[in-house]
Amino acid sequence: MQVKKDMTIAEIISVDEGIVPILFDSGMHCIGCPSAQGESLEMACMVHGIDADDLEGKINDFLAAK
């Protein structure tokens, strides 16, 4: 499975909990906050000043290596 930028943080984590460290390492430390339930990866990246395409790629590279 691959993640997409329009998926919520909660949906992405439900794909594989191993994604959490990738999010933390990118500077996204609000994994458990209420916004994570309804905020897309793209929206969260915009708020945190992170390149959404880059993070999406890192997560999908992680999933592909499994």
N, C-alpha and C. Protein backbone atom coordinates (compact mmCIF):
# COMPACT_ATOMS: atom_id res chain seq x y z
N MET A 1 0.84 -1.18 0.00
CA MET A 1 0.00 0.00 0.00
C MET A 1 0.88 1.24 0.00
N GLN A 2 0.38 2.29 -0.60
CA GLN A 2 1.07 3.57 -0.59
C GLN A 2 0.18 4.61 0.08
N VAL A 3 0.83 5.58 0.70
CA VAL A 3 0.07 6.69 1.27
C VAL A 3 0.03 7.83 0.27
N LYS A 4 -0.98 8.66 0.43
CA LYS A 4 -1.14 9.84 -0.42
C LYS A 4 -1.28 11.06 0.48
N LYS A 5 -0.92 12.22 -0.07
CA LYS A 5 -0.94 13.46 0.70
C LYS A 5 -2.33 13.83 1.21
N ASP A 6 -3.37 13.34 0.55
CA ASP A 6 -4.71 13.70 0.97
C ASP A 6 -5.26 12.80 2.09
N MET A 7 -4.48 11.79 2.49
CA MET A 7 -4.88 10.93 3.61
C MET A 7 -4.64 11.67 4.92
N THR A 8 -5.48 11.38 5.92
CA THR A 8 -5.26 12.00 7.22
C THR A 8 -4.07 11.34 7.91
N ILE A 9 -3.52 12.05 8.88
CA ILE A 9 -2.41 11.49 9.66
C ILE A 9 -2.85 10.19 10.30
N ALA A 10 -4.07 10.16 10.85
CA ALA A 10 -4.58 8.95 11.50
C ALA A 10 -4.66 7.79 10.52
N GLU A 11 -5.12 8.05 9.30
CA GLU A 11 -5.19 6.99 8.28
C GLU A 11 -3.80 6.47 7.94
N ILE A 12 -2.85 7.37 7.84
CA ILE A 12 -1.48 6.99 7.49
C ILE A 12 -0.87 6.12 8.58
N ILE A 13 -1.07 6.50 9.83
CA ILE A 13 -0.54 5.72 10.94
C ILE A 13 -1.20 4.34 11.00
N SER A 14 -2.48 4.28 10.62
CA SER A 14 -3.17 2.98 10.66
C SER A 14 -2.62 2.02 9.60
N VAL A 15 -1.98 2.55 8.57
CA VAL A 15 -1.36 1.70 7.55
C VAL A 15 -0.20 0.93 8.16
N ASP A 16 0.62 1.62 8.95
CA ASP A 16 1.78 1.00 9.60
C ASP A 16 2.28 1.94 10.69
N GLU A 17 2.29 1.48 11.92
CA GLU A 17 2.75 2.33 13.02
C GLU A 17 4.22 2.68 12.92
N GLY A 18 4.96 1.98 12.08
CA GLY A 18 6.36 2.29 11.85
C GLY A 18 6.56 3.63 11.15
N ILE A 19 5.47 4.22 10.68
CA ILE A 19 5.53 5.53 10.04
C ILE A 19 5.70 6.64 11.07
N VAL A 20 5.29 6.39 12.32
CA VAL A 20 5.36 7.43 13.36
C VAL A 20 6.77 8.01 13.50
N PRO A 21 7.83 7.19 13.59
CA PRO A 21 9.17 7.78 13.70
C PRO A 21 9.55 8.65 12.50
N ILE A 22 9.06 8.32 11.32
CA ILE A 22 9.34 9.14 10.14
C ILE A 22 8.70 10.51 10.30
N LEU A 23 7.47 10.53 10.79
CA LEU A 23 6.79 11.80 11.03
C LEU A 23 7.52 12.61 12.10
N PHE A 24 7.90 11.95 13.20
CA PHE A 24 8.65 12.63 14.26
C PHE A 24 9.95 13.22 13.74
N ASP A 25 10.70 12.41 12.98
CA ASP A 25 12.00 12.85 12.46
C ASP A 25 11.86 14.04 11.51
N SER A 26 10.71 14.15 10.87
CA SER A 26 10.49 15.26 9.95
C SER A 26 10.10 16.55 10.66
N GLY A 27 9.83 16.44 11.98
CA GLY A 27 9.44 17.62 12.75
C GLY A 27 7.96 17.67 13.08
N MET A 28 7.24 16.63 12.75
CA MET A 28 5.81 16.57 13.02
C MET A 28 5.60 15.80 14.33
N HIS A 29 5.51 16.54 15.43
CA HIS A 29 5.43 15.91 16.75
C HIS A 29 4.02 15.87 17.32
N CYS A 30 3.04 16.23 16.54
CA CYS A 30 1.67 16.31 17.06
C CYS A 30 0.83 15.11 16.62
N ILE A 31 1.44 13.96 16.59
CA ILE A 31 0.79 12.75 16.09
C ILE A 31 -0.50 12.45 16.86
N GLY A 32 -0.50 12.66 18.15
CA GLY A 32 -1.66 12.33 18.97
C GLY A 32 -2.65 13.47 19.14
N CYS A 33 -2.39 14.62 18.55
CA CYS A 33 -3.29 15.75 18.76
C CYS A 33 -4.59 15.55 17.98
N PRO A 34 -5.66 16.18 18.41
CA PRO A 34 -6.95 16.01 17.73
C PRO A 34 -6.92 16.36 16.24
N SER A 35 -6.08 17.28 15.84
CA SER A 35 -6.01 17.65 14.43
C SER A 35 -5.57 16.48 13.56
N ALA A 36 -4.79 15.57 14.12
CA ALA A 36 -4.29 14.43 13.36
C ALA A 36 -5.41 13.53 12.87
N GLN A 37 -6.55 13.58 13.53
CA GLN A 37 -7.68 12.74 13.13
C GLN A 37 -8.31 13.22 11.83
N GLY A 38 -8.30 14.53 11.57
CA GLY A 38 -8.96 15.05 10.39
C GLY A 38 -8.09 15.83 9.44
N GLU A 39 -6.83 16.02 9.81
CA GLU A 39 -5.92 16.83 9.00
C GLU A 39 -5.16 15.94 8.03
N SER A 40 -5.13 16.33 6.76
CA SER A 40 -4.39 15.54 5.78
C SER A 40 -2.89 15.74 5.98
N LEU A 41 -2.14 14.82 5.41
CA LEU A 41 -0.68 14.94 5.46
C LEU A 41 -0.25 16.25 4.82
N GLU A 42 -0.88 16.61 3.72
CA GLU A 42 -0.52 17.84 3.03
C GLU A 42 -0.80 19.07 3.89
N MET A 43 -1.95 19.10 4.58
CA MET A 43 -2.27 20.23 5.45
C MET A 43 -1.31 20.31 6.63
N ALA A 44 -1.01 19.15 7.23
CA ALA A 44 -0.09 19.12 8.36
C ALA A 44 1.30 19.59 7.95
N CYS A 45 1.74 19.18 6.77
CA CYS A 45 3.05 19.61 6.28
C CYS A 45 3.07 21.12 6.07
N MET A 46 1.99 21.66 5.54
CA MET A 46 1.93 23.10 5.32
C MET A 46 2.04 23.86 6.65
N VAL A 47 1.34 23.38 7.66
CA VAL A 47 1.37 24.02 8.97
C VAL A 47 2.77 23.96 9.58
N HIS A 48 3.47 22.85 9.35
CA HIS A 48 4.78 22.64 9.97
C HIS A 48 5.94 23.06 9.08
N GLY A 49 5.66 23.57 7.89
CA GLY A 49 6.73 24.00 6.99
C GLY A 49 7.55 22.86 6.43
N ILE A 50 6.88 21.74 6.15
CA ILE A 50 7.55 20.54 5.65
C ILE A 50 7.11 20.33 4.20
N ASP A 51 8.01 19.86 3.36
CA ASP A 51 7.69 19.55 1.97
C ASP A 51 6.85 18.27 1.94
N ALA A 52 5.58 18.37 1.56
CA ALA A 52 4.65 17.23 1.58
C ALA A 52 5.07 16.14 0.61
N ASP A 53 5.56 16.52 -0.56
CA ASP A 53 5.99 15.53 -1.54
C ASP A 53 7.17 14.72 -1.03
N ASP A 54 8.10 15.40 -0.38
CA ASP A 54 9.28 14.73 0.17
C ASP A 54 8.87 13.75 1.26
N LEU A 55 8.01 14.19 2.18
CA LEU A 55 7.59 13.32 3.27
C LEU A 55 6.78 12.14 2.76
N GLU A 56 5.90 12.40 1.81
CA GLU A 56 5.12 11.32 1.20
C GLU A 56 6.07 10.28 0.59
N GLY A 57 7.10 10.74 -0.09
CA GLY A 57 8.09 9.84 -0.68
C GLY A 57 8.84 9.02 0.36
N LYS A 58 9.24 9.65 1.45
CA LYS A 58 9.95 8.93 2.52
C LYS A 58 9.06 7.84 3.12
N ILE A 59 7.80 8.17 3.34
CA ILE A 59 6.88 7.18 3.91
C ILE A 59 6.67 6.04 2.93
N ASN A 60 6.46 6.35 1.68
CA ASN A 60 6.25 5.27 0.69
C ASN A 60 7.51 4.45 0.45
N ASP A 61 8.68 5.05 0.56
CA ASP A 61 9.93 4.29 0.47
C ASP A 61 10.01 3.31 1.62
N PHE A 62 9.64 3.76 2.83
CA PHE A 62 9.63 2.89 4.01
C PHE A 62 8.68 1.72 3.78
N LEU A 63 7.48 1.99 3.29
CA LEU A 63 6.49 0.93 3.07
C LEU A 63 6.95 -0.04 1.98
N ALA A 64 7.59 0.46 0.95
CA ALA A 64 8.05 -0.38 -0.15
C ALA A 64 9.17 -1.32 0.29
N ALA A 65 9.94 -0.89 1.28
CA ALA A 65 11.08 -1.69 1.75
C ALA A 65 10.64 -2.83 2.67
N LYS A 66 9.40 -2.83 3.06
CA LYS A 66 8.91 -3.88 3.98
C LYS A 66 8.63 -5.17 3.25
